[in-house]
PDB file of N, CA and C in Angstrom:
ATOM      1  N   ALA A   1     -22.674 206.627 -22.020  1.00  0.00           N
ATOM      2  CA  ALA A   1     -22.879 205.485 -22.883  1.00  0.00           C
ATOM      3  C   ALA A   1     -22.964 204.200 -22.059  1.00  0.00           C
ATOM      4  N   TRP A   2     -22.158 204.086 -21.002  1.00  0.00           N
ATOM      5  CA  TRP A   2     -22.167 202.881 -20.153  1.00  0.00           C
ATOM      6  C   TRP A   2     -23.512 202.724 -19.448  1.00  0.00           C
ATOM      7  N   THR A   3     -24.060 203.797 -18.935  1.00  0.00           N
ATOM      8  CA  THR A   3     -25.352 203.743 -18.262  1.00  0.00           C
ATOM      9  C   THR A   3     -26.462 203.385 -19.241  1.00  0.00           C
ATOM     10  N   ARG A   4     -26.427 203.965 -20.430  1.00  0.00           N
ATOM     11  CA  ARG A   4     -27.424 203.622 -21.457  1.00  0.00           C
ATOM     12  C   ARG A   4     -27.332 202.153 -21.852  1.00  0.00           C
ATOM     13  N   PHE A   5     -26.107 201.636 -21.963  1.00  0.00           N
ATOM     14  CA  PHE A   5     -25.923 200.224 -22.287  1.00  0.00           C
ATOM     15  C   PHE A   5     -26.530 199.335 -21.206  1.00  0.00           C
ATOM     16  N   ASN A   6     -26.262 199.634 -19.931  1.00  0.00           N
ATOM     17  CA  ASN A   6     -26.820 198.846 -18.823  1.00  0.00           C
ATOM     18  C   ASN A   6     -28.347 198.877 -18.837  1.00  0.00           C
ATOM     19  N   THR A   7     -28.915 200.028 -19.090  1.00  0.00           N
ATOM     20  CA  THR A   7     -30.373 200.156 -19.145  1.00  0.00           C
ATOM     21  C   THR A   7     -30.937 199.346 -20.303  1.00  0.00           C
ATOM     22  N   ALA A   8     -30.300 199.416 -21.458  1.00  0.00           N
ATOM     23  CA  ALA A   8     -30.775 198.676 -22.628  1.00  0.00           C
ATOM     24  C   ALA A   8     -30.680 197.170 -22.420  1.00  0.00           C
ATOM     25  N   VAL A   9     -29.629 196.703 -21.783  1.00  0.00           N
ATOM     26  CA  VAL A   9     -29.467 195.263 -21.541  1.00  0.00           C
ATOM     27  C   VAL A   9     -30.546 194.767 -20.597  1.00  0.00           C
ATOM     28  N   ASN A  10     -30.842 195.506 -19.547  1.00  0.00           N
ATOM     29  CA  ASN A  10     -31.841 195.072 -18.579  1.00  0.00           C
ATOM     30  C   ASN A  10     -33.270 195.248 -19.098  1.00  0.00           C
ATOM     31  N   ALA A  11     -33.474 196.085 -20.104  1.00  0.00           N
ATOM     32  CA  ALA A  11     -34.816 196.281 -20.660  1.00  0.00           C
ATOM     33  C   ALA A  11     -35.179 195.189 -21.659  1.00  0.00           C
ATOM     34  N   TRP A  12     -34.195 194.454 -22.138  1.00  0.00           N
ATOM     35  CA  TRP A  12     -34.435 193.439 -23.160  1.00  0.00           C
ATOM     36  C   TRP A  12     -34.589 192.069 -22.498  1.00  0.00           C
ATOM     37  N   GLY A  13     -35.627 191.354 -22.803  1.00  0.00           N
ATOM     38  CA  GLY A  13     -35.835 190.004 -22.288  1.00  0.00           C
ATOM     39  C   GLY A  13     -36.268 189.987 -20.834  1.00  0.00           C
ATOM     40  N   SER A  14     -36.267 188.781 -20.259  1.00  0.00           N
ATOM     41  CA  SER A  14     -36.740 188.628 -18.881  1.00  0.00           C
ATOM     42  C   SER A  14     -35.607 188.507 -17.867  1.00  0.00           C
ATOM     43  N   LEU A  15     -34.369 188.507 -18.312  1.00  0.00           N
ATOM     44  CA  LEU A  15     -33.246 188.403 -17.384  1.00  0.00           C
ATOM     45  C   LEU A  15     -32.883 189.769 -16.823  1.00  0.00           C
ATOM     46  N   THR A  16     -32.401 189.770 -15.592  1.00  0.00           N
ATOM     47  CA  THR A  16     -31.871 190.983 -14.983  1.00  0.00           C
ATOM     48  C   THR A  16     -30.371 190.795 -14.812  1.00  0.00           C
ATOM     49  N   TRP A  17     -29.605 191.687 -15.370  1.00  0.00           N
ATOM     50  CA  TRP A  17     -28.155 191.586 -15.333  1.00  0.00           C
ATOM     51  C   TRP A  17     -27.589 192.435 -14.210  1.00  0.00           C
ATOM     52  N   ILE A  18     -26.639 191.890 -13.482  1.00  0.00           N
ATOM     53  CA  ILE A  18     -25.896 192.640 -12.464  1.00  0.00           C
ATOM     54  C   ILE A  18     -24.572 193.029 -13.114  1.00  0.00           C
ATOM     55  N   VAL A  19     -24.372 194.308 -13.305  1.00  0.00           N
ATOM     56  CA  VAL A  19     -23.205 194.800 -14.019  1.00  0.00           C
ATOM     57  C   VAL A  19     -22.280 195.482 -13.029  1.00  0.00           C
ATOM     58  N   SER A  20     -21.014 195.087 -13.066  1.00  0.00           N
ATOM     59  CA  SER A  20     -20.028 195.723 -12.189  1.00  0.00           C
ATOM     60  C   SER A  20     -19.649 197.087 -12.762  1.00  0.00           C
ATOM     61  N   PRO A  21     -19.077 197.937 -11.938  1.00  0.00           N
ATOM     62  CA  PRO A  21     -18.680 199.271 -12.421  1.00  0.00           C
ATOM     63  C   PRO A  21     -17.647 199.172 -13.548  1.00  0.00           C
ATOM     64  N   LEU A  22     -17.599 200.173 -14.367  1.00  0.00           N
ATOM     65  CA  LEU A  22     -16.657 200.230 -15.478  1.00  0.00           C
ATOM     66  C   LEU A  22     -15.232 200.247 -14.930  1.00  0.00           C
ATOM     67  N   THR A  23     -14.378 199.406 -15.475  1.00  0.00           N
ATOM     68  CA  THR A  23     -13.002 199.292 -14.994  1.00  0.00           C
ATOM     69  C   THR A  23     -12.060 199.083 -16.168  1.00  0.00           C
ATOM     70  N   THR A  24     -10.779 199.220 -15.931  1.00  0.00           N
ATOM     71  CA  THR A  24      -9.795 199.016 -16.989  1.00  0.00           C
ATOM     72  C   THR A  24      -9.124 197.657 -16.887  1.00  0.00           C
ATOM     73  N   GLN A  25      -9.504 196.849 -15.899  1.00  0.00           N
ATOM     74  CA  GLN A  25      -8.878 195.543 -15.701  1.00  0.00           C
ATOM     75  C   GLN A  25      -9.948 194.501 -15.429  1.00  0.00           C
ATOM     76  N   VAL A  26      -9.794 193.314 -16.045  1.00  0.00           N
ATOM     77  CA  VAL A  26     -10.748 192.235 -15.819  1.00  0.00           C
ATOM     78  C   VAL A  26      -9.992 190.907 -15.804  1.00  0.00           C
ATOM     79  N   ASN A  27     -10.400 190.016 -14.887  1.00  0.00           N
ATOM     80  CA  ASN A  27      -9.853 188.667 -14.819  1.00  0.00           C
ATOM     81  C   ASN A  27     -10.831 187.733 -15.509  1.00  0.00           C
ATOM     82  N   PHE A  28     -10.353 187.019 -16.525  1.00  0.00           N
ATOM     83  CA  PHE A  28     -11.184 186.072 -17.262  1.00  0.00           C
ATOM     84  C   PHE A  28     -10.425 184.761 -17.341  1.00  0.00           C
ATOM     85  N   LEU A  29     -11.004 183.727 -16.729  1.00  0.00           N
ATOM     86  CA  LEU A  29     -10.373 182.414 -16.626  1.00  0.00           C
ATOM     87  C   LEU A  29      -8.999 182.567 -15.985  1.00  0.00           C
ATOM     88  N   ASP A  30      -7.918 182.280 -16.677  1.00  0.00           N
ATOM     89  CA  ASP A  30      -6.591 182.392 -16.052  1.00  0.00           C
ATOM     90  C   ASP A  30      -5.754 183.493 -16.687  1.00  0.00           C
ATOM     91  N   VAL A  31      -6.433 184.545 -17.157  1.00  0.00           N
ATOM     92  CA  VAL A  31      -5.751 185.682 -17.779  1.00  0.00           C
ATOM     93  C   VAL A  31      -6.323 186.975 -17.219  1.00  0.00           C
ATOM     94  N   THR A  32      -5.463 187.955 -16.980  1.00  0.00           N
ATOM     95  CA  THR A  32      -5.882 189.300 -16.593  1.00  0.00           C
ATOM     96  C   THR A  32      -5.674 190.217 -17.792  1.00  0.00           C
ATOM     97  N   PHE A  33      -6.743 190.889 -18.221  1.00  0.00           N
ATOM     98  CA  PHE A  33      -6.670 191.834 -19.329  1.00  0.00           C
ATOM     99  C   PHE A  33      -6.712 193.251 -18.771  1.00  0.00           C
ATOM    100  N   VAL A  34      -5.843 194.118 -19.292  1.00  0.00           N
ATOM    101  CA  VAL A  34      -5.772 195.513 -18.855  1.00  0.00           C
ATOM    102  C   VAL A  34      -5.777 196.401 -20.090  1.00  0.00           C
ATOM    103  N   THR A  35      -6.648 197.418 -20.091  1.00  0.00           N
ATOM    104  CA  THR A  35      -6.609 198.396 -21.184  1.00  0.00           C
ATOM    105  C   THR A  35      -5.667 199.519 -20.776  1.00  0.00           C
ATOM    106  N   LEU A  36      -4.753 199.840 -21.667  1.00  0.00           N
ATOM    107  CA  LEU A  36      -3.758 200.877 -21.398  1.00  0.00           C
ATOM    108  C   LEU A  36      -4.238 202.211 -21.968  1.00  0.00           C
ATOM    109  N   LYS A  37      -3.642 203.295 -21.507  1.00  0.00           N
ATOM    110  CA  LYS A  37      -4.062 204.627 -21.928  1.00  0.00           C
ATOM    111  C   LYS A  37      -3.855 204.858 -23.423  1.00  0.00           C
ATOM    112  N   ALA A  38      -2.891 204.167 -24.024  1.00  0.00           N
ATOM    113  CA  ALA A  38      -2.623 204.344 -25.454  1.00  0.00           C
ATOM    114  C   ALA A  38      -3.641 203.603 -26.319  1.00  0.00           C
ATOM    115  N   GLY A  39      -4.594 202.918 -25.689  1.00  0.00           N
ATOM    116  CA  GLY A  39      -5.613 202.206 -26.442  1.00  0.00           C
ATOM    117  C   GLY A  39      -5.288 200.751 -26.691  1.00  0.00           C
ATOM    118  N   TYR A  40      -4.191 200.270 -26.155  1.00  0.00           N
ATOM    119  CA  TYR A  40      -3.797 198.884 -26.323  1.00  0.00           C
ATOM    120  C   TYR A  40      -4.352 198.022 -25.195  1.00  0.00           C
ATOM    121  N   ILE A  41      -4.369 196.719 -25.421  1.00  0.00           N
ATOM    122  CA  ILE A  41      -4.792 195.773 -24.393  1.00  0.00           C
ATOM    123  C   ILE A  41      -3.591 194.918 -24.016  1.00  0.00           C
ATOM    124  N   ASP A  42      -3.282 194.859 -22.732  1.00  0.00           N
ATOM    125  CA  ASP A  42      -2.186 194.050 -22.216  1.00  0.00           C
ATOM    126  C   ASP A  42      -2.792 192.877 -21.450  1.00  0.00           C
ATOM    127  N   TYR A  43      -2.072 191.791 -21.319  1.00  0.00           N
ATOM    128  CA  TYR A  43      -2.573 190.646 -20.579  1.00  0.00           C
ATOM    129  C   TYR A  43      -1.448 190.010 -19.779  1.00  0.00           C
ATOM    130  N   ASP A  44      -1.837 189.278 -18.749  1.00  0.00           N
ATOM    131  CA  ASP A  44      -0.896 188.600 -17.877  1.00  0.00           C
ATOM    132  C   ASP A  44      -1.583 187.368 -17.313  1.00  0.00           C
ATOM    133  N   LEU A  45      -0.822 186.424 -16.815  1.00  0.00           N
ATOM    134  CA  LEU A  45      -1.397 185.238 -16.206  1.00  0.00           C
ATOM    135  C   LEU A  45      -2.055 185.594 -14.877  1.00  0.00           C
ATOM    136  N   TYR A  46      -3.133 184.893 -14.550  1.00  0.00           N
ATOM    137  CA  TYR A  46      -3.873 185.160 -13.325  1.00  0.00           C
ATOM    138  C   TYR A  46      -4.148 183.845 -12.614  1.00  0.00           C
ATOM    139  N   ALA A  47      -3.987 183.833 -11.317  1.00  0.00           N
ATOM    140  CA  ALA A  47      -4.342 182.674 -10.493  1.00  0.00           C
ATOM    141  C   ALA A  47      -5.145 183.170  -9.303  1.00  0.00           C
ATOM    142  N   LYS A  48      -6.228 182.485  -9.009  1.00  0.00           N
ATOM    143  CA  LYS A  48      -7.057 182.875  -7.871  1.00  0.00           C
ATOM    144  C   LYS A  48      -6.274 182.698  -6.572  1.00  0.00           C
ATOM    145  N   ASP A  49      -6.645 183.486  -5.568  1.00  0.00           N
ATOM    146  CA  ASP A  49      -5.965 183.400  -4.275  1.00  0.00           C
ATOM    147  C   ASP A  49      -6.152 182.031  -3.630  1.00  0.00           C
ATOM    148  N   LEU A  50      -7.293 181.393  -3.881  1.00  0.00           N
ATOM    149  CA  LEU A  50      -7.585 180.105  -3.257  1.00  0.00           C
ATOM    150  C   LEU A  50      -7.142 178.915  -4.099  1.00  0.00           C
ATOM    151  N   ASN A  51      -6.361 179.139  -5.154  1.00  0.00           N
ATOM    152  CA  ASN A  51      -5.880 178.039  -5.979  1.00  0.00           C
ATOM    153  C   ASN A  51      -4.955 177.166  -5.141  1.00  0.00           C
ATOM    154  N   LEU A  52      -5.281 175.892  -5.008  1.00  0.00           N
ATOM    155  CA  LEU A  52      -4.496 174.981  -4.174  1.00  0.00           C
ATOM    156  C   LEU A  52      -3.416 174.245  -4.950  1.00  0.00           C
ATOM    157  N   TYR A  53      -3.385 174.405  -6.271  1.00  0.00           N
ATOM    158  CA  TYR A  53      -2.402 173.743  -7.124  1.00  0.00           C
ATOM    159  C   TYR A  53      -2.354 172.247  -6.833  1.00  0.00           C
ATOM    160  N   LEU A  54      -3.516 171.604  -6.825  1.00  0.00           N
ATOM    161  CA  LEU A  54      -3.607 170.174  -6.584  1.00  0.00           C
ATOM    162  C   LEU A  54      -3.507 169.440  -7.923  1.00  0.00           C
ATOM    163  N   TYR A  55      -2.432 168.736  -8.126  1.00  0.00           N
ATOM    164  CA  TYR A  55      -2.206 167.994  -9.349  1.00  0.00           C
ATOM    165  C   TYR A  55      -2.005 166.523  -9.008  1.00  0.00           C
ATOM    166  N   LEU A  56      -1.985 165.676 -10.019  1.00  0.00           N
ATOM    167  CA  LEU A  56      -1.763 164.250  -9.802  1.00  0.00           C
ATOM    168  C   LEU A  56      -0.345 164.017  -9.290  1.00  0.00           C
ATOM    169  N   PRO A  57      -0.202 163.223  -8.220  1.00  0.00           N
ATOM    170  CA  PRO A  57       1.160 162.900  -7.767  1.00  0.00           C
ATOM    171  C   PRO A  57       1.814 161.941  -8.768  1.00  0.00           C
ATOM    172  N   PRO A  58       3.131 161.987  -8.906  1.00  0.00           N
ATOM    173  CA  PRO A  58       3.798 161.145  -9.897  1.00  0.00           C
ATOM    174  C   PRO A  58       3.640 159.645  -9.641  1.00  0.00           C
ATOM    175  N   HIS A  59       3.352 159.243  -8.416  1.00  0.00           N
ATOM    176  CA  HIS A  59       3.244 157.815  -8.093  1.00  0.00           C
ATOM    177  C   HIS A  59       1.791 157.390  -7.920  1.00  0.00           C
ATOM    178  N   SER A  60       0.881 158.031  -8.625  1.00  0.00           N
ATOM    179  CA  SER A  60      -0.522 157.657  -8.533  1.00  0.00           C
ATOM    180  C   SER A  60      -0.780 156.417  -9.389  1.00  0.00           C
ATOM    181  N   ALA A  61      -1.991 155.914  -9.344  1.00  0.00           N
ATOM    182  CA  ALA A  61      -2.346 154.704 -10.086  1.00  0.00           C
ATOM    183  C   ALA A  61      -2.649 154.988 -11.555  1.00  0.00           C
ATOM    184  N   HIS A  62      -2.472 156.209 -11.999  1.00  0.00           N
ATOM    185  CA  HIS A  62      -2.734 156.548 -13.388  1.00  0.00           C
ATOM    186  C   HIS A  62      -1.596 156.025 -14.281  1.00  0.00           C
ATOM    187  N   PRO A  63      -1.910 155.730 -15.539  1.00  0.00           N
ATOM    188  CA  PRO A  63      -0.839 155.313 -16.461  1.00  0.00           C
ATOM    189  C   PRO A  63       0.201 156.417 -16.615  1.00  0.00           C
ATOM    190  N   PRO A  64       1.456 156.051 -16.890  1.00  0.00           N
ATOM    191  CA  PRO A  64       2.518 157.069 -16.981  1.00  0.00           C
ATOM    192  C   PRO A  64       2.240 158.149 -18.021  1.00  0.00           C
ATOM    193  N   GLY A  65       1.545 157.811 -19.091  1.00  0.00           N
ATOM    194  CA  GLY A  65       1.261 158.799 -20.128  1.00  0.00           C
ATOM    195  C   GLY A  65       0.355 159.918 -19.655  1.00  0.00           C
ATOM    196  N   VAL A  66      -0.469 159.652 -18.642  1.00  0.00           N
ATOM    197  CA  VAL A  66      -1.379 160.686 -18.130  1.00  0.00           C
ATOM    198  C   VAL A  66      -0.580 161.813 -17.485  1.00  0.00           C
ATOM    199  N   LEU A  67       0.387 161.462 -16.657  1.00  0.00           N
ATOM    200  CA  LEU A  67       1.211 162.479 -15.997  1.00  0.00           C
ATOM    201  C   LEU A  67       2.016 163.262 -17.029  1.00  0.00           C
ATOM    202  N   LYS A  68       2.619 162.542 -17.977  1.00  0.00           N
ATOM    203  CA  LYS A  68       3.409 163.205 -19.015  1.00  0.00           C
ATOM    204  C   LYS A  68       2.515 164.123 -19.848  1.00  0.00           C
ATOM    205  N   GLY A  69       1.337 163.647 -20.217  1.00  0.00           N
ATOM    206  CA  GLY A  69       0.411 164.466 -20.997  1.00  0.00           C
ATOM    207  C   GLY A  69      -0.061 165.688 -20.244  1.00  0.00           C
ATOM    208  N   MET A  70      -0.250 165.554 -18.923  1.00  0.00           N
ATOM    209  CA  MET A  70      -0.680 166.686 -18.114  1.00  0.00           C
ATOM    210  C   MET A  70       0.405 167.767 -18.086  1.00  0.00           C
ATOM    211  N   VAL A  71       1.651 167.344 -17.916  1.00  0.00           N
ATOM    212  CA  VAL A  71       2.765 168.306 -17.875  1.00  0.00           C
ATOM    213  C   VAL A  71       2.895 169.007 -19.227  1.00  0.00           C
ATOM    214  N   TYR A  72       2.882 168.243 -20.322  1.00  0.00           N
ATOM    215  CA  TYR A  72       2.978 168.840 -21.654  1.00  0.00           C
ATOM    216  C   TYR A  72       1.791 169.766 -21.926  1.00  0.00           C
ATOM    217  N   GLY A  73       0.604 169.317 -21.570  1.00  0.00           N
ATOM    218  CA  GLY A  73      -0.594 170.127 -21.809  1.00  0.00           C
ATOM    219  C   GLY A  73      -0.556 171.459 -21.077  1.00  0.00           C
ATOM    220  N   MET A  74      -0.134 171.421 -19.804  1.00  0.00           N
ATOM    221  CA  MET A  74      -0.055 172.662 -19.023  1.00  0.00           C
ATOM    222  C   MET A  74       1.037 173.581 -19.573  1.00  0.00           C
ATOM    223  N   PHE A  75       2.136 172.992 -20.018  1.00  0.00           N
ATOM    224  CA  PHE A  75       3.224 173.797 -20.579  1.00  0.00           C
ATOM    225  C   PHE A  75       2.783 174.506 -21.853  1.00  0.00           C
ATOM    226  N   PHE A  76       2.134 173.772 -22.764  1.00  0.00           N
ATOM    227  CA  PHE A  76       1.688 174.386 -24.008  1.00  0.00           C
ATOM    228  C   PHE A  76       0.564 175.389 -23.770  1.00  0.00           C
ATOM    229  N   HIS A  77      -0.275 175.139 -22.774  1.00  0.00           N
ATOM    230  CA  HIS A  77      -1.308 176.116 -22.411  1.00  0.00           C
ATOM    231  C   HIS A  77      -0.664 177.408 -21.923  1.00  0.00           C
ATOM    232  N   PHE A  78       0.389 177.287 -21.121  1.00  0.00           N
ATOM    233  CA  PHE A  78       1.121 178.445 -20.636  1.00  0.00           C
ATOM    234  C   PHE A  78       1.750 179.216 -21.802  1.00  0.00           C
ATOM    235  N   LEU A  79       2.345 178.480 -22.755  1.00  0.00           N
ATOM    236  CA  LEU A  79       2.951 179.158 -23.908  1.00  0.00           C
ATOM    237  C   LEU A  79       1.924 179.934 -24.727  1.00  0.00           C
ATOM    238  N   LYS A  80       0.723 179.389 -24.885  1.00  0.00           N
ATOM    239  CA  LYS A  80      -0.313 180.097 -25.631  1.00  0.00           C
ATOM    240  C   LYS A  80      -0.734 181.367 -24.906  1.00  0.00           C
ATOM    241  N   LEU A  81      -0.729 181.340 -23.571  1.00  0.00           N
ATOM    242  CA  LEU A  81      -1.167 182.506 -22.807  1.00  0.00           C
ATOM    243  C   LEU A  81      -0.145 183.636 -22.849  1.00  0.00           C
ATOM    244  N   ILE A  82       1.131 183.316 -22.918  1.00  0.00           N
ATOM    245  CA  ILE A  82       2.138 184.383 -22.850  1.00  0.00           C
ATOM    246  C   ILE A  82       2.510 184.940 -24.215  1.00  0.00           C
ATOM    247  N   LYS A  83       2.003 184.374 -25.292  1.00  0.00           N
ATOM    248  CA  LYS A  83       2.328 184.897 -26.635  1.00  0.00           C
ATOM    249  C   LYS A  83       1.560 186.151 -26.913  1.00  0.00           C
TER     250      LYS A  83
END
């Protein structure tokens, strides 16, 4: 079925798709999704190896609300990912 799907996708339209081999794990944005043998999908946080974690320093020229908003925003984003 996977081979037929790849053939059908490349036969439609003028685009050529490069499809990676079938796998049970995929990294999408900052989440890793894994399909388990029981048919469930598990997820975990993902960070690229080259992530430099460059954030605004607390003593930058930005208004104080920007730093506070960045911390709150990242925290709530993290909470949404782990639920």
